[in-house]
Amino acid sequence: MDRIDRDDVRHVARLARLALPEEHVATITGQLESILDYVSHLQSIDTTGVPPTTRAVEVVNVTRADQVNPATVREDLLDQAPQREGALLVVPRILAE
């Protein structure tokens, strides 16, 4: 792979609409080179027989069965509202007629 140069970094920054100060271009160029060298190293590793994965550690969801529990506090909660009509809460009008 070709090496990344300062013009490449400026070009990518412009495409990404990033304001990259000139004094940071050399630093970013070196960092991108290091990243690409590492990726190149990873591509040289033989992964024959290694199954593809989406995570390094298997994650299992802990679930429980859905269970309906009757709520006995409905009236207590509705009684705390400033205004109500039966089982409905009365709120100020927010839309014009």
N, C-alpha and C. Protein backbone atom coordinates (compact mmCIF):
# COMPACT_ATOMS: atom_id res chain seq x y z
N MET A 1 0.85 -1.18 0.00
CA MET A 1 0.00 0.00 0.00
C MET A 1 0.88 1.24 0.00
N ASP A 2 0.46 2.25 -0.72
CA ASP A 2 1.21 3.50 -0.76
C ASP A 2 1.16 4.18 0.60
N ARG A 3 2.19 4.93 0.87
CA ARG A 3 2.25 5.66 2.14
C ARG A 3 1.29 6.85 2.09
N ILE A 4 0.82 7.24 3.25
CA ILE A 4 -0.05 8.41 3.37
C ILE A 4 0.85 9.64 3.44
N ASP A 5 0.53 10.65 2.69
CA ASP A 5 1.32 11.88 2.79
C ASP A 5 0.42 13.01 3.30
N ARG A 6 1.03 14.14 3.51
CA ARG A 6 0.32 15.28 4.09
C ARG A 6 -0.84 15.73 3.20
N ASP A 7 -0.65 15.64 1.89
CA ASP A 7 -1.73 16.04 0.98
C ASP A 7 -2.94 15.12 1.11
N ASP A 8 -2.69 13.83 1.35
CA ASP A 8 -3.80 12.89 1.56
C ASP A 8 -4.59 13.28 2.81
N VAL A 9 -3.86 13.62 3.86
CA VAL A 9 -4.52 14.00 5.12
C VAL A 9 -5.35 15.26 4.92
N ARG A 10 -4.79 16.24 4.25
CA ARG A 10 -5.54 17.47 3.99
C ARG A 10 -6.78 17.18 3.14
N HIS A 11 -6.62 16.32 2.15
CA HIS A 11 -7.74 15.97 1.26
C HIS A 11 -8.87 15.29 2.04
N VAL A 12 -8.52 14.32 2.87
CA VAL A 12 -9.54 13.61 3.66
C VAL A 12 -10.20 14.56 4.65
N ALA A 13 -9.42 15.44 5.26
CA ALA A 13 -10.00 16.42 6.19
C ALA A 13 -10.98 17.33 5.46
N ARG A 14 -10.63 17.75 4.25
CA ARG A 14 -11.53 18.61 3.48
C ARG A 14 -12.80 17.86 3.12
N LEU A 15 -12.68 16.59 2.70
CA LEU A 15 -13.86 15.79 2.37
C LEU A 15 -14.77 15.60 3.58
N ALA A 16 -14.16 15.45 4.75
CA ALA A 16 -14.93 15.25 5.98
C ALA A 16 -15.38 16.58 6.58
N ARG A 17 -15.02 17.67 5.90
CA ARG A 17 -15.35 19.02 6.37
C ARG A 17 -14.81 19.27 7.78
N LEU A 18 -13.58 18.84 7.99
CA LEU A 18 -12.90 19.06 9.26
C LEU A 18 -11.94 20.23 9.12
N ALA A 19 -11.96 21.11 10.08
CA ALA A 19 -10.99 22.21 10.10
C ALA A 19 -9.73 21.67 10.77
N LEU A 20 -8.76 21.26 9.98
CA LEU A 20 -7.53 20.67 10.51
C LEU A 20 -6.41 21.70 10.42
N PRO A 21 -5.96 22.21 11.57
CA PRO A 21 -4.87 23.20 11.54
C PRO A 21 -3.61 22.57 10.95
N GLU A 22 -2.84 23.38 10.25
CA GLU A 22 -1.63 22.90 9.57
C GLU A 22 -0.64 22.26 10.54
N GLU A 23 -0.59 22.73 11.76
CA GLU A 23 0.37 22.16 12.72
C GLU A 23 -0.02 20.75 13.16
N HIS A 24 -1.24 20.32 12.88
CA HIS A 24 -1.69 18.97 13.24
C HIS A 24 -1.56 17.98 12.09
N VAL A 25 -1.31 18.46 10.90
CA VAL A 25 -1.26 17.59 9.72
C VAL A 25 -0.18 16.53 9.86
N ALA A 26 1.01 16.92 10.31
CA ALA A 26 2.12 15.96 10.45
C ALA A 26 1.78 14.89 11.49
N THR A 27 1.17 15.30 12.59
CA THR A 27 0.80 14.34 13.65
C THR A 27 -0.22 13.34 13.14
N ILE A 28 -1.26 13.84 12.48
CA ILE A 28 -2.31 12.97 11.96
C ILE A 28 -1.74 12.03 10.90
N THR A 29 -0.83 12.54 10.07
CA THR A 29 -0.22 11.71 9.04
C THR A 29 0.49 10.52 9.67
N GLY A 30 1.27 10.77 10.72
CA GLY A 30 1.97 9.69 11.42
C GLY A 30 1.02 8.70 12.06
N GLN A 31 -0.05 9.22 12.66
CA GLN A 31 -1.02 8.33 13.31
C GLN A 31 -1.73 7.45 12.28
N LEU A 32 -2.11 8.02 11.16
CA LEU A 32 -2.76 7.22 10.12
C LEU A 32 -1.81 6.17 9.55
N GLU A 33 -0.55 6.52 9.40
CA GLU A 33 0.45 5.54 8.94
C GLU A 33 0.54 4.37 9.91
N SER A 34 0.56 4.66 11.21
CA SER A 34 0.63 3.60 12.22
C SER A 34 -0.60 2.70 12.16
N ILE A 35 -1.75 3.30 12.00
CA ILE A 35 -2.99 2.52 11.92
C ILE A 35 -2.96 1.61 10.69
N LEU A 36 -2.58 2.15 9.55
CA LEU A 36 -2.54 1.34 8.33
C LEU A 36 -1.47 0.25 8.40
N ASP A 37 -0.34 0.51 9.06
CA ASP A 37 0.67 -0.53 9.25
C ASP A 37 0.11 -1.67 10.09
N TYR A 38 -0.64 -1.33 11.14
CA TYR A 38 -1.23 -2.34 12.00
C TYR A 38 -2.26 -3.17 11.23
N VAL A 39 -3.09 -2.51 10.43
CA VAL A 39 -4.09 -3.23 9.63
C VAL A 39 -3.38 -4.15 8.64
N SER A 40 -2.30 -3.67 8.06
CA SER A 40 -1.52 -4.51 7.13
C SER A 40 -0.98 -5.74 7.84
N HIS A 41 -0.51 -5.56 9.06
CA HIS A 41 -0.02 -6.69 9.86
C HIS A 41 -1.16 -7.68 10.13
N LEU A 42 -2.33 -7.17 10.48
CA LEU A 42 -3.47 -8.05 10.76
C LEU A 42 -3.88 -8.84 9.51
N GLN A 43 -3.76 -8.23 8.34
CA GLN A 43 -4.14 -8.92 7.11
C GLN A 43 -3.19 -10.06 6.78
N SER A 44 -1.99 -10.04 7.34
CA SER A 44 -1.03 -11.10 7.05
C SER A 44 -1.22 -12.33 7.94
N ILE A 45 -2.09 -12.24 8.93
CA ILE A 45 -2.31 -13.35 9.86
C ILE A 45 -3.23 -14.38 9.22
N ASP A 46 -2.86 -15.67 9.33
CA ASP A 46 -3.66 -16.75 8.78
C ASP A 46 -4.86 -17.00 9.68
N THR A 47 -6.05 -16.79 9.17
CA THR A 47 -7.26 -17.01 9.96
C THR A 47 -8.07 -18.19 9.43
N THR A 48 -7.42 -19.09 8.72
CA THR A 48 -8.10 -20.27 8.20
C THR A 48 -8.62 -21.10 9.38
N GLY A 49 -9.88 -21.44 9.32
CA GLY A 49 -10.48 -22.25 10.38
C GLY A 49 -10.97 -21.46 11.57
N VAL A 50 -10.79 -20.17 11.57
CA VAL A 50 -11.28 -19.34 12.67
C VAL A 50 -12.66 -18.83 12.29
N PRO A 51 -13.68 -19.18 13.08
CA PRO A 51 -15.04 -18.76 12.71
C PRO A 51 -15.20 -17.25 12.89
N PRO A 52 -15.98 -16.61 12.03
CA PRO A 52 -16.23 -15.18 12.19
C PRO A 52 -17.05 -14.93 13.44
N THR A 53 -16.79 -13.83 14.09
CA THR A 53 -17.53 -13.47 15.30
C THR A 53 -17.94 -12.01 15.22
N THR A 54 -18.89 -11.65 16.05
CA THR A 54 -19.30 -10.26 16.15
C THR A 54 -18.83 -9.65 17.46
N ARG A 55 -18.42 -10.50 18.40
CA ARG A 55 -17.95 -10.02 19.71
C ARG A 55 -16.79 -10.89 20.17
N ALA A 56 -15.94 -10.29 20.99
CA ALA A 56 -14.84 -11.06 21.57
C ALA A 56 -15.35 -11.94 22.71
N VAL A 57 -16.39 -11.47 23.40
CA VAL A 57 -16.96 -12.21 24.52
C VAL A 57 -18.43 -12.45 24.21
N GLU A 58 -18.87 -13.67 24.35
CA GLU A 58 -20.27 -13.99 24.06
C GLU A 58 -21.18 -13.32 25.08
N VAL A 59 -22.23 -12.70 24.59
CA VAL A 59 -23.19 -12.00 25.45
C VAL A 59 -24.51 -12.75 25.38
N VAL A 60 -25.10 -13.00 26.54
CA VAL A 60 -26.38 -13.70 26.60
C VAL A 60 -27.37 -12.80 27.33
N ASN A 61 -28.52 -12.59 26.72
CA ASN A 61 -29.55 -11.79 27.37
C ASN A 61 -30.19 -12.59 28.51
N VAL A 62 -30.37 -11.93 29.61
CA VAL A 62 -31.07 -12.55 30.73
C VAL A 62 -32.51 -12.08 30.64
N THR A 63 -33.40 -13.01 30.41
CA THR A 63 -34.80 -12.66 30.25
C THR A 63 -35.65 -13.41 31.25
N ARG A 64 -36.84 -12.93 31.39
CA ARG A 64 -37.80 -13.62 32.24
C ARG A 64 -39.10 -13.69 31.49
N ALA A 65 -39.94 -14.58 31.89
CA ALA A 65 -41.25 -14.72 31.24
C ALA A 65 -42.11 -13.50 31.56
N ASP A 66 -42.86 -13.03 30.56
CA ASP A 66 -43.79 -11.93 30.80
C ASP A 66 -44.87 -12.40 31.75
N GLN A 67 -45.20 -11.55 32.69
CA GLN A 67 -46.20 -11.92 33.68
C GLN A 67 -47.05 -10.69 33.96
N VAL A 68 -48.34 -10.84 33.87
CA VAL A 68 -49.25 -9.73 34.13
C VAL A 68 -49.54 -9.68 35.63
N ASN A 69 -49.29 -8.52 36.21
CA ASN A 69 -49.58 -8.31 37.62
C ASN A 69 -50.60 -7.17 37.72
N PRO A 70 -51.70 -7.41 38.34
CA PRO A 70 -52.70 -6.34 38.45
C PRO A 70 -52.17 -5.20 39.31
N ALA A 71 -52.41 -3.97 38.82
CA ALA A 71 -51.98 -2.78 39.57
C ALA A 71 -53.11 -2.36 40.49
N THR A 72 -52.81 -2.21 41.74
CA THR A 72 -53.83 -1.83 42.72
C THR A 72 -53.69 -0.38 43.14
N VAL A 73 -52.73 0.33 42.57
CA VAL A 73 -52.49 1.70 43.00
C VAL A 73 -52.99 2.73 42.00
N ARG A 74 -53.75 2.31 40.99
CA ARG A 74 -54.20 3.24 39.95
C ARG A 74 -54.97 4.41 40.55
N GLU A 75 -55.92 4.14 41.39
CA GLU A 75 -56.72 5.22 41.99
C GLU A 75 -55.84 6.12 42.86
N ASP A 76 -54.91 5.55 43.57
CA ASP A 76 -54.01 6.37 44.39
C ASP A 76 -53.22 7.33 43.52
N LEU A 77 -52.74 6.85 42.37
CA LEU A 77 -51.98 7.70 41.46
C LEU A 77 -52.86 8.77 40.84
N LEU A 78 -54.05 8.39 40.39
CA LEU A 78 -54.95 9.37 39.79
C LEU A 78 -55.39 10.42 40.80
N ASP A 79 -55.50 10.06 42.04
CA ASP A 79 -55.89 11.02 43.09
C ASP A 79 -54.82 12.08 43.31
N GLN A 80 -53.59 11.82 42.91
CA GLN A 80 -52.51 12.79 43.10
C GLN A 80 -52.48 13.85 42.00
N ALA A 81 -53.24 13.66 40.91
CA ALA A 81 -53.28 14.62 39.81
C ALA A 81 -54.03 15.87 40.26
N PRO A 82 -53.62 17.05 39.77
CA PRO A 82 -54.31 18.29 40.15
C PRO A 82 -55.78 18.29 39.72
N GLN A 83 -56.07 17.77 38.51
CA GLN A 83 -57.45 17.68 38.04
C GLN A 83 -57.65 16.37 37.31
N ARG A 84 -58.81 15.79 37.46
CA ARG A 84 -59.12 14.57 36.73
C ARG A 84 -60.61 14.48 36.48
N GLU A 85 -60.95 13.74 35.45
CA GLU A 85 -62.34 13.42 35.13
C GLU A 85 -62.42 11.91 35.00
N GLY A 86 -62.94 11.28 35.99
CA GLY A 86 -63.01 9.82 35.99
C GLY A 86 -61.60 9.25 35.98
N ALA A 87 -61.26 8.45 34.96
CA ALA A 87 -59.94 7.83 34.88
C ALA A 87 -59.00 8.64 33.99
N LEU A 88 -59.39 9.89 33.62
CA LEU A 88 -58.58 10.72 32.75
C LEU A 88 -58.02 11.91 33.52
N LEU A 89 -56.85 12.37 33.09
CA LEU A 89 -56.25 13.56 33.67
C LEU A 89 -56.66 14.76 32.85
N VAL A 90 -56.94 15.87 33.50
CA VAL A 90 -57.29 17.11 32.82
C VAL A 90 -56.03 17.96 32.78
N VAL A 91 -55.66 18.38 31.56
CA VAL A 91 -54.45 19.19 31.37
C VAL A 91 -54.82 20.45 30.62
N PRO A 92 -53.98 21.49 30.68
CA PRO A 92 -54.28 22.72 29.96
C PRO A 92 -54.27 22.49 28.44
N ARG A 93 -55.13 23.24 27.73
CA ARG A 93 -55.19 23.16 26.27
C ARG A 93 -53.89 23.73 25.71
N ILE A 94 -53.31 23.03 24.71
CA ILE A 94 -52.08 23.52 24.10
C ILE A 94 -52.26 23.82 22.63
N LEU A 95 -53.37 23.47 22.03
CA LEU A 95 -53.62 23.70 20.62
C LEU A 95 -54.75 24.72 20.47
N ALA A 96 -54.62 25.58 19.47
CA ALA A 96 -55.67 26.53 19.20
C ALA A 96 -56.84 25.81 18.56
N GLU A 97 -57.99 26.43 18.66
CA GLU A 97 -59.20 25.81 18.09
C GLU A 97 -59.26 25.98 16.60
